[in-house]
Protein backbone atom coordinates (compact mmCIF):
# COMPACT_ATOMS: atom_id res chain seq x y z
CA MET A 1 -7.93 21.33 19.68
CA THR A 2 -11.53 20.83 20.46
CA PHE A 3 -13.70 22.50 22.87
CA SER A 4 -17.23 21.25 24.20
CA ILE A 5 -19.39 24.54 25.51
CA PHE A 6 -23.10 24.21 25.69
CA ASN A 7 -22.92 21.34 23.35
CA PHE A 8 -21.58 23.62 20.14
CA GLN A 9 -18.14 22.28 18.83
CA PHE A 10 -15.38 25.02 18.27
CA SER A 11 -12.13 23.96 16.41
CA ILE A 12 -8.99 26.03 17.06
CA ALA A 13 -6.28 25.61 14.30
CA ILE A 14 -2.82 25.76 15.28
CA THR A 15 0.13 26.41 13.21
CA PRO A 16 2.96 24.04 12.71
CA LEU A 17 5.04 27.21 14.62
CA ASP A 18 2.19 26.95 17.48
CA GLN A 19 2.74 23.70 18.32
CA ALA A 20 6.25 23.60 17.91
CA GLN A 21 6.15 26.30 20.95
CA GLU A 22 3.77 24.20 22.88
CA ASP A 23 5.96 20.98 22.42
CA TYR A 24 9.03 23.09 23.31
CA THR A 25 7.45 24.41 26.58
CA PHE A 26 6.34 20.80 27.80
CA GLN A 27 9.84 19.62 27.18
CA PHE A 28 11.12 21.86 29.33
CA THR A 29 8.56 21.69 32.41
CA LYS A 30 9.21 17.95 31.85
CA TYR A 31 13.10 18.37 31.99
CA ARG A 32 12.38 20.47 35.35
CA GLU A 33 10.64 17.67 36.67
CA GLU A 34 13.30 15.04 35.64
CA GLN A 35 16.10 16.98 36.81
CA SER A 36 14.66 17.50 40.13
CA LYS A 37 13.97 13.75 40.48
CA TYR A 38 17.70 13.21 39.59
CA ILE A 39 18.92 15.53 42.13
CA THR A 40 17.16 13.64 44.62
CA ALA A 41 17.87 9.97 43.65
CA ARG A 42 21.60 11.50 43.27
CA SER A 43 21.86 12.87 46.67
CA SER A 44 20.35 9.59 47.85
CA TYR A 45 22.61 7.68 46.41
CA LEU A 46 25.76 9.73 47.73
CA THR A 47 24.36 9.97 51.50
CA PHE A 48 23.57 6.13 51.52
CA ASN A 49 25.27 4.53 48.89
CA THR A 50 22.93 1.02 48.82
CA ALA A 51 21.83 -1.25 45.76
CA VAL A 52 18.36 0.22 46.01
CA SER A 53 19.63 3.81 45.95
CA LYS A 54 21.84 3.08 43.06
CA SER A 55 19.24 1.56 40.86
CA GLU A 56 16.84 4.35 41.74
CA ALA A 57 19.99 6.84 40.73
CA PHE A 58 20.20 5.19 37.47
CA LEU A 59 16.79 5.33 36.76
CA ALA A 60 16.46 8.66 37.57
CA THR A 61 19.78 10.02 35.79
CA LYS A 62 18.93 7.74 32.84
CA ASP A 63 15.17 9.98 32.46
CA TYR A 64 17.35 13.21 32.89
CA LEU A 65 19.89 12.05 30.32
CA GLY A 66 16.77 10.98 27.70
CA GLN A 67 14.82 14.60 28.58
CA ILE A 68 17.77 16.49 27.73
CA ASP A 69 17.45 14.95 24.45
CA ASN A 70 14.09 15.52 24.08
CA LEU A 71 14.95 19.14 25.18
CA TYR A 72 18.03 19.74 22.81
CA THR A 73 14.96 18.03 19.98
CA SER A 74 12.24 20.44 20.81
CA TYR A 75 14.42 23.53 20.61
CA ILE A 76 15.50 22.72 17.16
CA LEU A 77 12.15 21.48 15.86
CA LEU A 78 11.04 25.13 17.35
CA VAL A 79 13.92 27.19 15.39
CA ASN A 80 13.29 25.23 12.18
CA GLU A 81 9.30 25.92 12.59
CA HIS A 82 10.39 29.66 13.00
CA ALA A 83 12.49 29.48 9.83
CA ASN A 84 9.55 27.65 7.84
CA SER A 85 7.34 30.40 8.96
CA LEU A 86 9.11 33.10 7.53
CA ASN A 87 8.80 34.79 3.86
CA TRP A 88 11.88 34.20 2.15
CA THR A 89 10.99 35.35 -1.41
CA ASN A 90 13.26 38.49 -0.87
CA SER A 91 16.11 36.85 0.52
CA THR A 92 19.31 35.43 -0.86
CA LEU A 93 19.80 33.54 1.97
CA PRO A 94 19.94 29.42 2.29
CA LYS A 95 16.94 28.01 4.02
CA ASP A 96 18.58 24.87 2.68
CA LEU A 97 21.44 25.51 4.98
CA VAL A 98 18.93 25.58 8.13
CA SER A 99 17.16 22.43 7.18
CA LYS A 100 20.35 20.69 6.97
CA ILE A 101 21.26 21.87 10.06
CA ALA A 102 18.24 21.20 11.60
CA GLY A 103 18.31 17.69 10.23
CA GLU A 104 21.65 16.82 11.07
CA GLN A 105 21.41 17.90 14.94
CA THR A 106 17.98 16.06 15.43
CA SER A 107 19.39 12.71 14.18
CA TYR A 108 22.41 13.03 16.27
CA LEU A 109 20.50 13.46 19.09
CA LYS A 110 18.17 10.42 18.38
CA ASP A 111 21.06 8.37 18.12
CA HIS A 112 22.19 9.70 21.38
CA GLN A 113 18.77 9.18 23.12
CA GLU A 114 18.91 5.71 21.90
CA LYS A 115 22.61 4.73 23.27
CA VAL A 116 20.78 6.12 26.81
CA SER A 117 17.88 4.14 26.57
CA GLN A 118 19.96 1.00 25.83
CA SER A 119 22.07 1.51 29.03
CA THR A 120 22.00 -0.63 32.08
CA THR A 121 24.06 0.72 34.58
CA LEU A 122 24.75 3.96 36.14
CA GLU A 123 28.51 4.04 35.12
CA GLU A 124 27.58 4.13 31.53
CA LEU A 125 25.64 7.55 31.96
CA PRO A 126 28.02 9.80 32.94
CA VAL A 127 29.90 8.82 29.70
CA LEU A 128 26.78 9.31 27.59
CA ALA A 129 26.41 12.59 29.70
CA ALA A 130 29.93 13.99 28.77
CA GLU A 131 29.51 13.09 24.89
CA LEU A 132 26.33 14.93 24.82
CA LYS A 133 28.21 17.96 26.02
CA LYS A 134 31.02 18.06 24.39
CA TYR A 135 28.73 17.46 21.02
CA VAL A 136 26.73 20.84 22.24
CA ASP A 137 29.83 22.76 23.15
CA THR A 138 31.77 21.55 19.76
CA ASN A 139 28.92 21.58 17.40
CA LEU A 140 25.33 21.96 18.24
CA ALA A 141 25.63 25.40 19.77
CA GLU A 142 27.59 27.08 17.01
CA LYS A 143 25.47 25.80 14.18
CA ILE A 144 22.17 26.84 16.11
CA ASN A 145 24.02 30.18 16.40
CA LYS A 146 24.57 30.12 12.50
CA THR A 147 20.63 29.42 11.87
CA LEU A 148 19.48 32.18 14.54
CA ALA A 149 22.26 34.57 12.63
CA ILE A 150 20.21 33.55 9.48
CA LEU A 151 16.94 34.31 10.57
CA GLU A 152 17.61 37.32 12.05
CA ILE A 153 18.08 39.21 8.77
CA VAL A 154 15.40 36.89 7.29
CA GLU A 155 12.99 38.59 9.44
CA THR A 156 14.60 42.05 8.65
CA GLU A 157 14.49 41.64 5.01
CA SER A 158 10.85 40.67 5.26
CA ALA A 159 9.76 43.49 7.13
CA LEU A 160 12.02 45.83 5.03
CA SER A 161 10.24 44.43 1.95
CA ASP A 162 6.95 44.96 3.26
CA PHE A 163 8.04 48.20 4.32
CA ASN A 164 8.85 49.54 0.52
CA GLU A 165 5.33 47.75 -0.55
CA LEU A 166 3.36 49.80 1.94
CA THR A 167 5.44 53.05 1.22
CA ALA A 168 4.77 52.60 -2.57
CA ILE A 169 1.03 52.28 -2.14
CA LEU A 170 0.84 55.35 -0.06
CA ASP A 171 3.15 57.19 -2.02
CA GLN A 172 0.96 56.57 -5.00
CA ALA A 173 -2.09 57.14 -3.21
CA MET A 174 -0.95 60.48 -2.16
CA THR A 175 0.24 61.33 -5.50
CA SER A 176 -3.15 60.77 -7.09
CA LYS A 177 -4.54 63.14 -4.49
CA ASN A 178 -2.23 65.93 -5.80
CA GLN A 179 -3.49 68.80 -3.52
CA PRO A 180 -1.39 72.02 -3.75
CA GLY A 181 0.02 74.10 -0.54
CA ALA A 182 -0.11 72.61 2.64
CA SER A 183 -0.60 68.96 1.44
CA GLN A 184 2.92 69.43 -1.06
CA SER A 185 4.59 70.46 2.10
CA PHE A 186 3.57 67.54 4.18
CA TYR A 187 4.34 65.22 1.14
CA ALA A 188 7.65 66.62 0.74
CA ASN A 189 8.69 65.97 4.45
CA TRP A 190 6.99 62.80 4.44
CA THR A 191 8.91 61.01 1.59
CA SER A 192 12.34 62.47 3.13
CA GLU A 193 11.69 61.02 6.63
CA ILE A 194 10.61 57.81 5.10
CA SER A 195 13.84 58.06 2.55
CA ASP A 196 15.71 58.39 5.79
CA ILE A 197 14.24 55.54 7.34
CA ARG A 198 15.00 53.30 4.45
CA THR A 199 18.44 54.33 3.94
CA LYS A 200 19.35 53.70 7.89
CA ALA A 201 17.64 50.11 7.79
CA GLU A 202 19.33 48.78 4.63
CA ALA A 203 22.46 50.07 5.83
CA PHE A 204 21.88 48.05 8.98
CA LYS A 205 20.57 44.96 7.09
CA ASP A 206 23.63 45.32 5.08
CA GLN A 207 25.73 45.05 7.71
CA ALA A 208 24.23 41.95 9.39
CA LYS A 209 24.76 40.41 5.65
CA ALA A 210 28.42 41.17 5.62
CA GLN A 211 29.04 40.32 9.56
CA LEU A 212 26.68 36.92 8.59
CA ALA A 213 29.22 36.35 5.21
CA LYS A 214 32.45 36.41 7.81
CA THR A 215 31.44 33.62 9.60
CA GLU A 216 32.18 29.73 8.65
CA GLU A 217 30.09 27.97 6.37
CA GLU A 218 27.92 25.89 8.86
CA THR A 219 28.40 27.80 12.35
CA ALA A 220 28.74 30.95 14.00
CA SER A 221 30.09 32.09 17.40
CA GLU A 222 28.21 33.50 20.43
CA ARG A 223 30.15 36.65 19.76
CA GLU A 224 29.44 36.50 16.05
CA LEU A 225 25.14 36.04 16.55
CA SER A 226 25.50 38.75 18.90
CA SER A 227 26.63 41.47 16.31
CA ILE A 228 24.36 40.08 13.72
CA SER A 229 21.67 40.20 15.79
CA TYR A 230 22.38 43.85 17.04
CA SER A 231 22.57 44.82 13.58
CA ALA A 232 19.31 43.48 12.25
CA GLN A 233 17.59 44.79 15.35
CA GLN A 234 18.70 47.90 14.63
CA ALA A 235 17.25 48.15 11.52
CA LYS A 236 14.00 46.85 12.55
CA LYS A 237 14.04 49.48 14.62
CA GLU A 238 14.64 51.98 12.31
CA LEU A 239 11.63 50.39 10.31
CA GLN A 240 9.68 50.71 13.66
CA ARG A 241 9.58 54.70 13.12
CA SER A 242 7.73 54.38 9.86
CA LYS A 243 4.28 53.35 12.02
CA PRO A 244 3.55 56.60 12.88
CA LEU A 245 4.17 57.96 9.91
CA PHE A 246 1.91 55.82 8.02
CA GLU A 247 -0.71 56.06 10.51
CA GLU A 248 -0.50 59.89 9.84
CA VAL A 249 -0.72 59.46 6.21
CA ILE A 250 -3.90 56.88 6.35
CA LYS A 251 -5.72 59.58 8.19
CA SER A 252 -4.83 62.12 5.65
CA LEU A 253 -6.33 60.41 2.50
């Protein structure tokens, strides 16, 4: 984006994830607008039942259904960009599966939207709406659950890797300082607390991975996602305990 202020040009670079978030927000706002128009047109048609009101109901319903496709597509792309923004270096989880799911879902939605755009009568649209709902309920929702479950664990693995890396740096710094007495006691207690955090975080992370391993290859139920997310969040919560410990060490060096 470019802003002109007092004849100066400032260019603000946004990431693909930022762009995907902006698009999702836009599509959601548009969805609400089309939903409102659909409700009004439907009410008018049911009240007056004229050719004009039916035509208006058709156009409003068609736009609304097409926008639902847009909203689902933008959400899938947002999730996929979130996956692209993560560090997968220390993960054994399948990033290619995340990309595969995103590709399949957006392809279906594109085809469905094309069917909607080619419709010519109001009677066709409830059939297309039912088709989309069935697909979401039996395919899309559980595949997105699987993707979100994978991303929860990848985030945790990345955070744990960062934790271990920073711990090693600070441990080396304290060891190099090598001061007797109180400093040795501080070091012993610090390493003990860090070890406790690591052990508990890894246990929660391993629990999340074990739960993921029990899901189907490409799908996960809402309940399974909830359990995996809880374990991953508990691991991150443990890692958050290290923040004041790291700050304390940095101040002492």
